[in-house]
C-alpha atoms as a PDB file:
ATOM      1  CA  UNK A   1     106.102 107.809  97.319  1.00  0.00           C
ATOM      2  CA  UNK A   2     109.865 107.413  96.695  1.00  0.00           C
ATOM      3  CA  UNK A   3     110.161 110.601  94.875  1.00  0.00           C
ATOM      4  CA  UNK A   4     108.402 112.279  97.895  1.00  0.00           C
ATOM      5  CA  UNK A   5     110.736 110.650 100.450  1.00  0.00           C
ATOM      6  CA  UNK A   6     113.874 111.365  98.622  1.00  0.00           C
ATOM      7  CA  UNK A   7     113.415 113.879  95.679  1.00  0.00           C
ATOM      8  CA  UNK A   8     116.917 113.056  94.395  1.00  0.00           C
ATOM      9  CA  UNK A   9     115.773 109.675  93.457  1.00  0.00           C
ATOM     10  CA  UNK A  10     112.884 111.124  91.134  1.00  0.00           C
ATOM     11  CA  UNK A  11     115.048 111.060  87.821  1.00  0.00           C
ATOM     12  CA  UNK A  12     116.255 107.515  88.438  1.00  0.00           C
ATOM     13  CA  UNK A  13     112.599 106.643  89.076  1.00  0.00           C
ATOM     14  CA  UNK A  14     111.621 108.246  85.916  1.00  0.00           C
ATOM     15  CA  UNK A  15     114.078 106.360  84.109  1.00  0.00           C
ATOM     16  CA  UNK A  16     112.848 102.965  85.405  1.00  0.00           C
ATOM     17  CA  UNK A  17     109.119 103.860  84.897  1.00  0.00           C
ATOM     18  CA  UNK A  18     109.768 104.942  81.266  1.00  0.00           C
ATOM     19  CA  UNK A  19     111.600 101.634  80.563  1.00  0.00           C
ATOM     20  CA  UNK A  20     108.783  99.722  82.431  1.00  0.00           C
ATOM     21  CA  UNK A  21     106.138 101.592  80.110  1.00  0.00           C
ATOM     22  CA  UNK A  22     107.786  99.583  77.292  1.00  0.00           C
ATOM     23  CA  UNK A  23     107.382  96.225  79.138  1.00  0.00           C
ATOM     24  CA  UNK A  24     105.857  93.327  77.282  1.00  0.00           C
ATOM     25  CA  UNK A  25     103.445  92.727  80.301  1.00  0.00           C
ATOM     26  CA  UNK A  26     100.254  94.726  80.260  1.00  0.00           C
ATOM     27  CA  UNK A  27     100.173  94.657  84.174  1.00  0.00           C
ATOM     28  CA  UNK A  28     103.675  96.293  84.153  1.00  0.00           C
ATOM     29  CA  UNK A  29     102.799  98.768  81.580  1.00  0.00           C
ATOM     30  CA  UNK A  30      99.609  99.715  83.466  1.00  0.00           C
ATOM     31  CA  UNK A  31     101.416 100.163  86.756  1.00  0.00           C
ATOM     32  CA  UNK A  32     104.146 101.991  85.127  1.00  0.00           C
ATOM     33  CA  UNK A  33     101.592 104.518  83.640  1.00  0.00           C
ATOM     34  CA  UNK A  34      99.981 105.166  87.234  1.00  0.00           C
ATOM     35  CA  UNK A  35     103.292 105.292  88.617  1.00  0.00           C
ATOM     36  CA  UNK A  36     104.285 108.123  86.064  1.00  0.00           C
ATOM     37  CA  UNK A  37     101.224 110.195  86.991  1.00  0.00           C
ATOM     38  CA  UNK A  38     102.165 109.919  90.794  1.00  0.00           C
ATOM     39  CA  UNK A  39     105.841 110.672  89.914  1.00  0.00           C
ATOM     40  CA  UNK A  40     104.650 113.670  87.950  1.00  0.00           C
ATOM     41  CA  UNK A  41     102.434 114.864  91.145  1.00  0.00           C
ATOM     42  CA  UNK A  42     105.429 114.352  93.453  1.00  0.00           C
ATOM     43  CA  UNK A  43     107.932 116.143  91.263  1.00  0.00           C
ATOM     44  CA  UNK A  44     106.105 118.728  88.769  1.00  0.00           C
ATOM     45  CA  UNK A  45     109.394 119.491  86.889  1.00  0.00           C
ATOM     46  CA  UNK A  46     109.393 115.819  85.516  1.00  0.00           C
ATOM     47  CA  UNK A  47     105.771 115.889  84.270  1.00  0.00           C
ATOM     48  CA  UNK A  48     106.601 116.975  80.662  1.00  0.00           C
ATOM     49  CA  UNK A  49     109.046 114.105  80.429  1.00  0.00           C
ATOM     50  CA  UNK A  50     106.139 111.617  80.987  1.00  0.00           C
ATOM     51  CA  UNK A  51     104.125 112.811  78.023  1.00  0.00           C
ATOM     52  CA  UNK A  52     105.746 110.461  75.359  1.00  0.00           C
ATOM     53  CA  UNK A  53     105.128 107.395  77.228  1.00  0.00           C
ATOM     54  CA  UNK A  54     101.803 108.185  78.196  1.00  0.00           C
ATOM     55  CA  UNK A  55     100.596 109.398  75.033  1.00  0.00           C
ATOM     56  CA  UNK A  56     101.838 106.053  73.500  1.00  0.00           C
ATOM     57  CA  UNK A  57     100.073 104.097  76.478  1.00  0.00           C
ATOM     58  CA  UNK A  58      96.812 105.595  75.703  1.00  0.00           C
ATOM     59  CA  UNK A  59      97.027 103.855  72.268  1.00  0.00           C
ATOM     60  CA  UNK A  60      97.863 100.480  73.983  1.00  0.00           C
ATOM     61  CA  UNK A  61      95.913  97.292  73.049  1.00  0.00           C
ATOM     62  CA  UNK A  62      94.978  96.418  76.715  1.00  0.00           C
ATOM     63  CA  UNK A  63      92.367  98.539  78.329  1.00  0.00           C
ATOM     64  CA  UNK A  64      93.876  98.562  81.796  1.00  0.00           C
ATOM     65  CA  UNK A  65      96.886 100.277  80.214  1.00  0.00           C
ATOM     66  CA  UNK A  66      94.824 102.778  78.486  1.00  0.00           C
ATOM     67  CA  UNK A  67      92.946 103.648  81.533  1.00  0.00           C
ATOM     68  CA  UNK A  68      95.970 104.085  83.700  1.00  0.00           C
ATOM     69  CA  UNK A  69      97.406 106.081  80.987  1.00  0.00           C
ATOM     70  CA  UNK A  70      94.363 108.388  80.632  1.00  0.00           C
ATOM     71  CA  UNK A  71      94.290 109.037  84.415  1.00  0.00           C
ATOM     72  CA  UNK A  72      98.002 109.869  84.381  1.00  0.00           C
ATOM     73  CA  UNK A  73      97.792 112.168  81.524  1.00  0.00           C
ATOM     74  CA  UNK A  74      94.764 113.834  83.183  1.00  0.00           C
ATOM     75  CA  UNK A  75      97.015 114.551  86.226  1.00  0.00           C
ATOM     76  CA  UNK A  76     100.124 115.533  84.175  1.00  0.00           C
ATOM     77  CA  UNK A  77      97.676 118.121  82.269  1.00  0.00           C
ATOM     78  CA  UNK A  78      96.519 119.521  85.753  1.00  0.00           C
ATOM     79  CA  UNK A  79     100.070 119.808  86.951  1.00  0.00           C
ATOM     80  CA  UNK A  80     101.225 121.588  83.799  1.00  0.00           C
ATOM     81  CA  UNK A  81      98.236 123.759  83.724  1.00  0.00           C
ATOM     82  CA  UNK A  82      99.001 124.866  87.332  1.00  0.00           C
ATOM     83  CA  UNK A  83     102.740 125.596  86.281  1.00  0.00           C
ATOM     84  CA  UNK A  84     101.678 128.088  83.536  1.00  0.00           C
ATOM     85  CA  UNK A  85     102.114 131.835  84.786  1.00  0.00           C
ATOM     86  CA  UNK A  86      98.656 133.633  84.891  1.00  0.00           C
ATOM     87  CA  UNK A  87      99.907 136.074  82.324  1.00  0.00           C
ATOM     88  CA  UNK A  88     100.480 133.285  80.000  1.00  0.00           C
ATOM     89  CA  UNK A  89      97.014 132.065  80.598  1.00  0.00           C
ATOM     90  CA  UNK A  90      95.498 135.329  79.760  1.00  0.00           C
ATOM     91  CA  UNK A  91      97.151 135.529  76.395  1.00  0.00           C
ATOM     92  CA  UNK A  92      95.593 132.144  75.364  1.00  0.00           C
END
């Protein structure tokens, strides 16, 4: 919501969420993964920058983190697929 309200804050939010994605607490990591998916929806340009943290999170020891990361990756994939130009999709 913050990135939607003030898009100039999105890069700062991304930095904070990437840090939170490595937090020792599984609830914090889960919330960070979900928030990364929401941030990617709010600012599609940032979507590729969430991938490394989300890919790591899908291998997390805790199911709550894996589930949140899987949802976020689905959102990021959807966003990135939309951003591919129609001509590029035809060549695939």
